[in-house]
Amino acid sequence: MSIPTDGVVVPARVRGLAAGDALVPVWRNGIGGLTFRATGPGGIRYLKWGPRNDETTVEGEAERLAWAGRFVTVPRVIAAGGDDVEEWLVTWALPGESAVAPRWIAGAATAVTAIGVGLRSLHDRLPVAECPFSWRIADRFERAARRGIRLPEGLRNAPSEDDLVVCHGDACAPNTVLTDEGSVSGHVDFGALGVADRWADLAVAAMSLEWNYGPGWTRTLLAAYGIDADVQRMTYYRELWNAT
């Protein structure tokens, strides 16, 4: 996953959805999907496009955004669709910039603190009892099996899931949006949102900090979140993430 820096061919579907608005590629994922920012008279939109895949679907993300938007700030869906080959999701932009925008890479302490505060707020505000989606270990194993992924046997020796929250599902740094002042504007990319142990999110968030800001930021993240490190769970959920 990365910010595109080379020539990007804009898919025909994206051009049609943009309806003449100026397009800038902002993200490329690991399966060939692209996200574009579209700027026009009506405002700023984000167009997510990708090949149809069995891991998550834009229809599923749209459902999760609609549910989560009852409790927290998320992008408002404009359109979502797909066919046998491709899928797409169009949302209005949240105010602010991604936590990995150049200004926040340079101001990592502020960004990492905001990511921790924002993730804690998300976990505190989304109600577990009302959430219709799951991201628990057994469900992740089942989804991996459907996709033909054989997980390492060691992952079956899982820690207990005794601290359930509604997890973001991809709590990597780029998915937190910050205001100009460095506070949390909201979160994006909810394709895997569901109930799970809070460390399923925290482990991935901590791992992503090194990719984006360099080593040494885990303590800052956990302090901002308000929790002590759980090395066993962090290790397990990182390994599960990397395997799936």
C-alpha atoms as a PDB file:
ATOM      1  CA  MET A   1       0.000   0.000   0.000  1.00  0.00           C
ATOM      2  CA  SER A   2       1.446   3.348  -0.976  1.00  0.00           C
ATOM      3  CA  ILE A   3       0.899   6.816  -2.354  1.00  0.00           C
ATOM      4  CA  PRO A   4       1.265   6.573  -6.161  1.00  0.00           C
ATOM      5  CA  THR A   5       4.334   8.418  -7.393  1.00  0.00           C
ATOM      6  CA  ASP A   6       4.582   7.094 -10.952  1.00  0.00           C
ATOM      7  CA  GLY A   7       2.245   7.432 -13.910  1.00  0.00           C
ATOM      8  CA  VAL A   8      -1.258   6.255 -13.030  1.00  0.00           C
ATOM      9  CA  VAL A   9      -3.754   5.254 -15.702  1.00  0.00           C
ATOM     10  CA  VAL A  10      -7.183   6.476 -14.669  1.00  0.00           C
ATOM     11  CA  PRO A  11      -9.750   3.686 -15.158  1.00  0.00           C
ATOM     12  CA  ALA A  12     -12.663   4.499 -17.437  1.00  0.00           C
ATOM     13  CA  ARG A  13     -15.091   3.902 -14.580  1.00  0.00           C
ATOM     14  CA  VAL A  14     -13.336   6.513 -12.447  1.00  0.00           C
ATOM     15  CA  ARG A  15     -13.406   9.076 -15.263  1.00  0.00           C
ATOM     16  CA  GLY A  16     -17.123   8.545 -15.599  1.00  0.00           C
ATOM     17  CA  LEU A  17     -17.725   8.906 -11.876  1.00  0.00           C
ATOM     18  CA  ALA A  18     -15.575  12.041 -11.754  1.00  0.00           C
ATOM     19  CA  ALA A  19     -17.853  13.723 -14.315  1.00  0.00           C
ATOM     20  CA  GLY A  20     -15.139  16.118 -15.415  1.00  0.00           C
ATOM     21  CA  ASP A  21     -13.763  16.981 -11.967  1.00  0.00           C
ATOM     22  CA  ALA A  22      -9.985  17.194 -11.588  1.00  0.00           C
ATOM     23  CA  LEU A  23      -8.493  13.881 -10.421  1.00  0.00           C
ATOM     24  CA  VAL A  24      -5.413  13.248  -8.285  1.00  0.00           C
ATOM     25  CA  PRO A  25      -4.357   9.682  -7.338  1.00  0.00           C
ATOM     26  CA  VAL A  26      -3.824   9.470  -3.579  1.00  0.00           C
ATOM     27  CA  TRP A  27      -3.539   5.777  -2.728  1.00  0.00           C
ATOM     28  CA  ARG A  28      -2.750   2.373  -4.234  1.00  0.00           C
ATOM     29  CA  ASN A  29      -3.526  -0.815  -2.312  1.00  0.00           C
ATOM     30  CA  GLY A  30      -1.959  -4.244  -2.464  1.00  0.00           C
ATOM     31  CA  ILE A  31      -4.443  -5.750  -4.934  1.00  0.00           C
ATOM     32  CA  GLY A  32      -4.273  -3.036  -7.583  1.00  0.00           C
ATOM     33  CA  GLY A  33      -7.015  -0.792  -6.270  1.00  0.00           C
ATOM     34  CA  LEU A  34      -6.694   2.978  -6.574  1.00  0.00           C
ATOM     35  CA  THR A  35      -8.180   5.917  -4.704  1.00  0.00           C
ATOM     36  CA  PHE A  36      -8.510   9.328  -6.340  1.00  0.00           C
ATOM     37  CA  ARG A  37      -9.385  12.742  -4.988  1.00  0.00           C
ATOM     38  CA  ALA A  38     -11.867  14.514  -7.273  1.00  0.00           C
ATOM     39  CA  THR A  39     -12.157  18.288  -6.920  1.00  0.00           C
ATOM     40  CA  GLY A  40     -14.905  20.261  -8.614  1.00  0.00           C
ATOM     41  CA  PRO A  41     -17.561  22.926  -8.095  1.00  0.00           C
ATOM     42  CA  GLY A  42     -19.569  20.651  -5.820  1.00  0.00           C
ATOM     43  CA  GLY A  43     -16.697  20.014  -3.417  1.00  0.00           C
ATOM     44  CA  ILE A  44     -14.103  17.298  -2.819  1.00  0.00           C
ATOM     45  CA  ARG A  45     -14.952  13.636  -3.244  1.00  0.00           C
ATOM     46  CA  TYR A  46     -12.926  10.447  -2.960  1.00  0.00           C
ATOM     47  CA  LEU A  47     -13.329   7.744  -5.593  1.00  0.00           C
ATOM     48  CA  LYS A  48     -12.197   4.280  -4.547  1.00  0.00           C
ATOM     49  CA  TRP A  49     -11.875   1.815  -7.425  1.00  0.00           C
ATOM     50  CA  GLY A  50     -10.493  -1.698  -7.618  1.00  0.00           C
ATOM     51  CA  PRO A  51     -10.821  -5.190  -9.023  1.00  0.00           C
ATOM     52  CA  ARG A  52     -13.559  -7.303  -7.492  1.00  0.00           C
ATOM     53  CA  ASN A  53     -12.076  -9.298  -4.606  1.00  0.00           C
ATOM     54  CA  ASP A  54     -13.220 -11.783  -2.000  1.00  0.00           C
ATOM     55  CA  GLU A  55     -11.724 -10.053   1.052  1.00  0.00           C
ATOM     56  CA  THR A  56     -13.919  -6.987   1.359  1.00  0.00           C
ATOM     57  CA  THR A  57     -16.454  -5.351  -0.937  1.00  0.00           C
ATOM     58  CA  VAL A  58     -17.466  -1.747  -1.399  1.00  0.00           C
ATOM     59  CA  GLU A  59     -21.066  -2.742  -0.706  1.00  0.00           C
ATOM     60  CA  GLY A  60     -19.898  -4.099   2.644  1.00  0.00           C
ATOM     61  CA  GLU A  61     -17.945  -0.932   3.332  1.00  0.00           C
ATOM     62  CA  ALA A  62     -20.926   1.237   2.452  1.00  0.00           C
ATOM     63  CA  GLU A  63     -23.038  -0.731   4.954  1.00  0.00           C
ATOM     64  CA  ARG A  64     -20.389  -0.290   7.636  1.00  0.00           C
ATOM     65  CA  LEU A  65     -20.091   3.442   6.952  1.00  0.00           C
ATOM     66  CA  ALA A  66     -23.850   3.845   7.245  1.00  0.00           C
ATOM     67  CA  TRP A  67     -23.868   2.027  10.574  1.00  0.00           C
ATOM     68  CA  ALA A  68     -20.765   3.688  12.060  1.00  0.00           C
ATOM     69  CA  GLY A  69     -21.921   7.111  10.902  1.00  0.00           C
ATOM     70  CA  ARG A  70     -24.714   6.948  13.476  1.00  0.00           C
ATOM     71  CA  PHE A  71     -22.107   7.253  16.237  1.00  0.00           C
ATOM     72  CA  VAL A  72     -18.855   8.736  14.839  1.00  0.00           C
ATOM     73  CA  THR A  73     -17.660  10.943  12.003  1.00  0.00           C
ATOM     74  CA  VAL A  74     -17.127   8.972   8.798  1.00  0.00           C
ATOM     75  CA  PRO A  75     -17.227   9.881   5.091  1.00  0.00           C
ATOM     76  CA  ARG A  76     -20.746  10.160   3.680  1.00  0.00           C
ATOM     77  CA  VAL A  77     -21.384   7.723   0.836  1.00  0.00           C
ATOM     78  CA  ILE A  78     -22.473   9.180  -2.502  1.00  0.00           C
ATOM     79  CA  ALA A  79     -22.436   6.016  -4.610  1.00  0.00           C
ATOM     80  CA  ALA A  80     -21.296   2.407  -4.419  1.00  0.00           C
ATOM     81  CA  GLY A  81     -21.450  -0.358  -6.980  1.00  0.00           C
ATOM     82  CA  GLY A  82     -19.721  -3.139  -8.789  1.00  0.00           C
ATOM     83  CA  ASP A  83     -19.917  -5.893 -11.390  1.00  0.00           C
ATOM     84  CA  ASP A  84     -18.065  -9.138 -11.978  1.00  0.00           C
ATOM     85  CA  VAL A  85     -14.821  -7.299 -12.766  1.00  0.00           C
ATOM     86  CA  GLU A  86     -14.590  -4.085 -10.762  1.00  0.00           C
ATOM     87  CA  GLU A  87     -16.130  -2.176  -7.870  1.00  0.00           C
ATOM     88  CA  TRP A  88     -16.250   1.435  -6.774  1.00  0.00           C
ATOM     89  CA  LEU A  89     -17.156   3.671  -3.855  1.00  0.00           C
ATOM     90  CA  VAL A  90     -17.624   7.444  -3.924  1.00  0.00           C
ATOM     91  CA  THR A  91     -17.705   9.487  -0.718  1.00  0.00           C
ATOM     92  CA  TRP A  92     -17.556  13.105   0.310  1.00  0.00           C
ATOM     93  CA  ALA A  93     -14.227  14.142   1.809  1.00  0.00           C
ATOM     94  CA  LEU A  94     -13.773  14.728   5.505  1.00  0.00           C
ATOM     95  CA  PRO A  95     -12.210  18.086   6.398  1.00  0.00           C
ATOM     96  CA  GLY A  96      -8.447  17.892   6.881  1.00  0.00           C
ATOM     97  CA  GLU A  97      -5.654  15.654   5.650  1.00  0.00           C
ATOM     98  CA  SER A  98      -4.481  12.108   6.193  1.00  0.00           C
ATOM     99  CA  ALA A  99      -2.186  11.599   9.177  1.00  0.00           C
ATOM    100  CA  VAL A 100       0.561  10.652   6.703  1.00  0.00           C
ATOM    101  CA  ALA A 101       0.381  13.880   4.705  1.00  0.00           C
ATOM    102  CA  PRO A 102       3.857  15.491   4.453  1.00  0.00           C
ATOM    103  CA  ARG A 103       3.103  18.059   7.168  1.00  0.00           C
ATOM    104  CA  TRP A 104       2.223  15.270   9.619  1.00  0.00           C
ATOM    105  CA  ILE A 105       5.164  13.096   8.689  1.00  0.00           C
ATOM    106  CA  ALA A 106       7.237  16.112   9.739  1.00  0.00           C
ATOM    107  CA  GLY A 107       5.098  16.524  12.867  1.00  0.00           C
ATOM    108  CA  ALA A 108       4.993  12.870  13.872  1.00  0.00           C
ATOM    109  CA  ALA A 109       4.552  13.432  17.602  1.00  0.00           C
ATOM    110  CA  THR A 110       1.330  15.367  17.041  1.00  0.00           C
ATOM    111  CA  ALA A 111       0.070  12.880  14.454  1.00  0.00           C
ATOM    112  CA  VAL A 112       0.798   9.760  16.507  1.00  0.00           C
ATOM    113  CA  THR A 113      -0.813  11.255  19.605  1.00  0.00           C
ATOM    114  CA  ALA A 114      -3.911  12.119  17.578  1.00  0.00           C
ATOM    115  CA  ILE A 115      -4.065   8.599  16.129  1.00  0.00           C
ATOM    116  CA  GLY A 116      -4.058   7.137  19.644  1.00  0.00           C
ATOM    117  CA  VAL A 117      -6.690   9.564  20.927  1.00  0.00           C
ATOM    118  CA  GLY A 118      -8.825   9.030  17.836  1.00  0.00           C
ATOM    119  CA  LEU A 119      -8.684   5.256  18.014  1.00  0.00           C
ATOM    120  CA  ARG A 120      -9.676   5.289  21.683  1.00  0.00           C
ATOM    121  CA  SER A 121     -12.605   7.579  20.906  1.00  0.00           C
ATOM    122  CA  LEU A 122     -13.711   5.292  18.091  1.00  0.00           C
ATOM    123  CA  HIS A 123     -13.587   2.233  20.348  1.00  0.00           C
ATOM    124  CA  ASP A 124     -15.414   4.029  23.154  1.00  0.00           C
ATOM    125  CA  ARG A 125     -18.214   5.413  20.996  1.00  0.00           C
ATOM    126  CA  LEU A 126     -19.116   2.483  18.722  1.00  0.00           C
ATOM    127  CA  PRO A 127     -21.534   0.194  20.624  1.00  0.00           C
ATOM    128  CA  VAL A 128     -20.524  -3.469  20.633  1.00  0.00           C
ATOM    129  CA  ALA A 129     -24.014  -4.720  21.455  1.00  0.00           C
ATOM    130  CA  GLU A 130     -25.496  -2.997  18.408  1.00  0.00           C
ATOM    131  CA  CYS A 131     -22.779  -3.882  15.881  1.00  0.00           C
ATOM    132  CA  PRO A 132     -23.908  -6.376  13.208  1.00  0.00           C
ATOM    133  CA  PHE A 133     -20.362  -7.016  11.937  1.00  0.00           C
ATOM    134  CA  SER A 134     -17.587  -9.257  13.280  1.00  0.00           C
ATOM    135  CA  TRP A 135     -13.812  -9.163  12.917  1.00  0.00           C
ATOM    136  CA  ARG A 136     -13.136 -11.798  15.562  1.00  0.00           C
ATOM    137  CA  ILE A 137     -10.438 -14.423  15.154  1.00  0.00           C
ATOM    138  CA  ALA A 138     -12.724 -17.299  14.140  1.00  0.00           C
ATOM    139  CA  ASP A 139     -14.375 -15.171  11.472  1.00  0.00           C
ATOM    140  CA  ARG A 140     -11.017 -14.042  10.098  1.00  0.00           C
ATOM    141  CA  PHE A 141      -9.923 -17.678   9.888  1.00  0.00           C
ATOM    142  CA  GLU A 142     -13.121 -18.534   8.044  1.00  0.00           C
ATOM    143  CA  ARG A 143     -12.701 -15.690   5.566  1.00  0.00           C
ATOM    144  CA  ALA A 144      -9.098 -16.683   4.928  1.00  0.00           C
ATOM    145  CA  ALA A 145     -10.193 -20.259   4.217  1.00  0.00           C
ATOM    146  CA  ARG A 146     -12.782 -19.049   1.703  1.00  0.00           C
ATOM    147  CA  ARG A 147     -10.026 -17.146  -0.087  1.00  0.00           C
ATOM    148  CA  GLY A 148      -7.793 -20.237  -0.165  1.00  0.00           C
ATOM    149  CA  ILE A 149      -5.318 -18.909   2.419  1.00  0.00           C
ATOM    150  CA  ARG A 150      -3.831 -21.522   4.732  1.00  0.00           C
ATOM    151  CA  LEU A 151      -2.883 -19.796   7.962  1.00  0.00           C
ATOM    152  CA  PRO A 152       0.091 -20.946  10.054  1.00  0.00           C
ATOM    153  CA  GLU A 153      -0.890 -23.519  12.671  1.00  0.00           C
ATOM    154  CA  GLY A 154       0.675 -21.357  15.391  1.00  0.00           C
ATOM    155  CA  LEU A 155      -2.073 -18.782  14.911  1.00  0.00           C
ATOM    156  CA  ARG A 156      -4.621 -21.287  16.218  1.00  0.00           C
ATOM    157  CA  ASN A 157      -3.067 -20.792  19.642  1.00  0.00           C
ATOM    158  CA  ALA A 158      -4.892 -17.499  20.009  1.00  0.00           C
ATOM    159  CA  PRO A 159      -5.171 -15.247  23.067  1.00  0.00           C
ATOM    160  CA  SER A 160      -8.575 -14.914  24.673  1.00  0.00           C
ATOM    161  CA  GLU A 161     -10.860 -12.251  23.237  1.00  0.00           C
ATOM    162  CA  ASP A 162     -11.992 -10.724  26.509  1.00  0.00           C
ATOM    163  CA  ASP A 163     -11.829  -6.994  25.742  1.00  0.00           C
ATOM    164  CA  LEU A 164     -14.240  -6.568  22.851  1.00  0.00           C
ATOM    165  CA  VAL A 165     -14.814  -3.280  21.056  1.00  0.00           C
ATOM    166  CA  VAL A 166     -15.967  -2.372  17.564  1.00  0.00           C
ATOM    167  CA  CYS A 167     -12.662  -2.328  15.716  1.00  0.00           C
ATOM    168  CA  HIS A 168     -11.896  -0.166  12.709  1.00  0.00           C
ATOM    169  CA  GLY A 169     -10.407  -3.180  10.921  1.00  0.00           C
ATOM    170  CA  ASP A 170      -7.562  -1.286   9.248  1.00  0.00           C
ATOM    171  CA  ALA A 171      -6.259   1.122  11.869  1.00  0.00           C
ATOM    172  CA  CYS A 172      -3.131   2.006   9.901  1.00  0.00           C
ATOM    173  CA  ALA A 173      -1.994   5.617  10.221  1.00  0.00           C
ATOM    174  CA  PRO A 174      -3.229   6.807   6.792  1.00  0.00           C
ATOM    175  CA  ASN A 175      -6.825   6.058   7.771  1.00  0.00           C
ATOM    176  CA  THR A 176      -6.950   8.763  10.434  1.00  0.00           C
ATOM    177  CA  VAL A 177      -7.782  12.232   9.091  1.00  0.00           C
ATOM    178  CA  LEU A 178      -6.463  15.246  11.005  1.00  0.00           C
ATOM    179  CA  THR A 179      -7.614  18.852  11.124  1.00  0.00           C
ATOM    180  CA  ASP A 180      -5.202  21.720  10.510  1.00  0.00           C
ATOM    181  CA  GLU A 181      -4.762  21.965  14.284  1.00  0.00           C
ATOM    182  CA  GLY A 182      -3.756  18.306  14.585  1.00  0.00           C
ATOM    183  CA  SER A 183      -6.922  16.918  16.158  1.00  0.00           C
ATOM    184  CA  VAL A 184      -8.922  14.036  14.720  1.00  0.00           C
ATOM    185  CA  SER A 185     -11.409  14.951  12.015  1.00  0.00           C
ATOM    186  CA  GLY A 186     -12.563  11.351  11.480  1.00  0.00           C
ATOM    187  CA  HIS A 187     -11.565   8.001  10.035  1.00  0.00           C
ATOM    188  CA  VAL A 188     -11.763   6.410   6.579  1.00  0.00           C
ATOM    189  CA  ASP A 189     -11.550   2.932   5.014  1.00  0.00           C
ATOM    190  CA  PHE A 190     -14.053   0.900   7.042  1.00  0.00           C
ATOM    191  CA  GLY A 191     -14.212  -2.184   4.834  1.00  0.00           C
ATOM    192  CA  ALA A 192     -13.359  -4.598   7.679  1.00  0.00           C
ATOM    193  CA  LEU A 193     -15.054  -2.865  10.628  1.00  0.00           C
ATOM    194  CA  GLY A 194     -16.396  -5.321  13.190  1.00  0.00           C
ATOM    195  CA  VAL A 195     -16.397  -6.536  16.772  1.00  0.00           C
ATOM    196  CA  ALA A 196     -13.006  -7.862  17.962  1.00  0.00           C
ATOM    197  CA  ASP A 197     -10.518  -7.551  20.802  1.00  0.00           C
ATOM    198  CA  ARG A 198      -9.210  -3.977  20.922  1.00  0.00           C
ATOM    199  CA  TRP A 199      -5.666  -5.258  20.383  1.00  0.00           C
ATOM    200  CA  ALA A 200      -6.619  -6.350  16.858  1.00  0.00           C
ATOM    201  CA  ASP A 201      -6.668  -2.625  16.030  1.00  0.00           C
ATOM    202  CA  LEU A 202      -3.934  -1.458  18.388  1.00  0.00           C
ATOM    203  CA  ALA A 203      -1.378  -3.968  17.133  1.00  0.00           C
ATOM    204  CA  VAL A 204      -1.892  -2.917  13.527  1.00  0.00           C
ATOM    205  CA  ALA A 205      -1.893   0.781  14.388  1.00  0.00           C
ATOM    206  CA  ALA A 206       1.414   0.416  16.223  1.00  0.00           C
ATOM    207  CA  MET A 207       2.935  -1.600  13.387  1.00  0.00           C
ATOM    208  CA  SER A 208       1.943   1.000  10.819  1.00  0.00           C
ATOM    209  CA  LEU A 209       3.670   3.810  12.709  1.00  0.00           C
ATOM    210  CA  GLU A 210       7.087   2.406  11.853  1.00  0.00           C
ATOM    211  CA  TRP A 211       6.175   2.205   8.166  1.00  0.00           C
ATOM    212  CA  ASN A 212       5.063   5.820   8.104  1.00  0.00           C
ATOM    213  CA  TYR A 213       7.087   7.694  10.743  1.00  0.00           C
ATOM    214  CA  GLY A 214      10.014   5.411  11.577  1.00  0.00           C
ATOM    215  CA  PRO A 215      10.706   3.322  14.689  1.00  0.00           C
ATOM    216  CA  GLY A 216      10.021   4.255  18.287  1.00  0.00           C
ATOM    217  CA  TRP A 217       6.429   5.545  18.305  1.00  0.00           C
ATOM    218  CA  THR A 218       4.517   2.685  19.935  1.00  0.00           C
ATOM    219  CA  ARG A 219       4.819   4.091  23.454  1.00  0.00           C
ATOM    220  CA  THR A 220       3.432   7.444  22.299  1.00  0.00           C
ATOM    221  CA  LEU A 221       0.485   5.739  20.635  1.00  0.00           C
ATOM    222  CA  LEU A 222      -0.404   3.604  23.647  1.00  0.00           C
ATOM    223  CA  ALA A 223      -0.016   6.499  26.077  1.00  0.00           C
ATOM    224  CA  ALA A 224      -2.389   8.614  23.979  1.00  0.00           C
ATOM    225  CA  TYR A 225      -4.840   5.707  23.808  1.00  0.00           C
ATOM    226  CA  GLY A 226      -4.527   5.185  27.561  1.00  0.00           C
ATOM    227  CA  ILE A 227      -3.360   1.578  27.834  1.00  0.00           C
ATOM    228  CA  ASP A 228      -0.271  -0.406  28.804  1.00  0.00           C
ATOM    229  CA  ALA A 229       1.397  -2.624  26.235  1.00  0.00           C
ATOM    230  CA  ASP A 230       0.218  -6.228  25.926  1.00  0.00           C
ATOM    231  CA  VAL A 231       3.140  -7.837  24.117  1.00  0.00           C
ATOM    232  CA  GLN A 232       1.437 -11.212  23.657  1.00  0.00           C
ATOM    233  CA  ARG A 233      -1.644  -9.779  21.985  1.00  0.00           C
ATOM    234  CA  MET A 234       0.309  -7.262  19.939  1.00  0.00           C
ATOM    235  CA  THR A 235       2.521 -10.033  18.587  1.00  0.00           C
ATOM    236  CA  TYR A 236      -0.389 -12.337  17.820  1.00  0.00           C
ATOM    237  CA  TYR A 237      -2.499  -9.759  15.997  1.00  0.00           C
ATOM    238  CA  ARG A 238       0.455  -8.524  13.967  1.00  0.00           C
ATOM    239  CA  GLU A 239       1.129 -12.082  12.828  1.00  0.00           C
ATOM    240  CA  LEU A 240      -2.549 -12.625  12.027  1.00  0.00           C
ATOM    241  CA  TRP A 241      -2.634  -9.391  10.025  1.00  0.00           C
ATOM    242  CA  ASN A 242       0.463 -10.296   8.042  1.00  0.00           C
ATOM    243  CA  ALA A 243      -0.848 -13.809   7.346  1.00  0.00           C
ATOM    244  CA  THR A 244      -4.203 -12.680   6.030  1.00  0.00           C
END
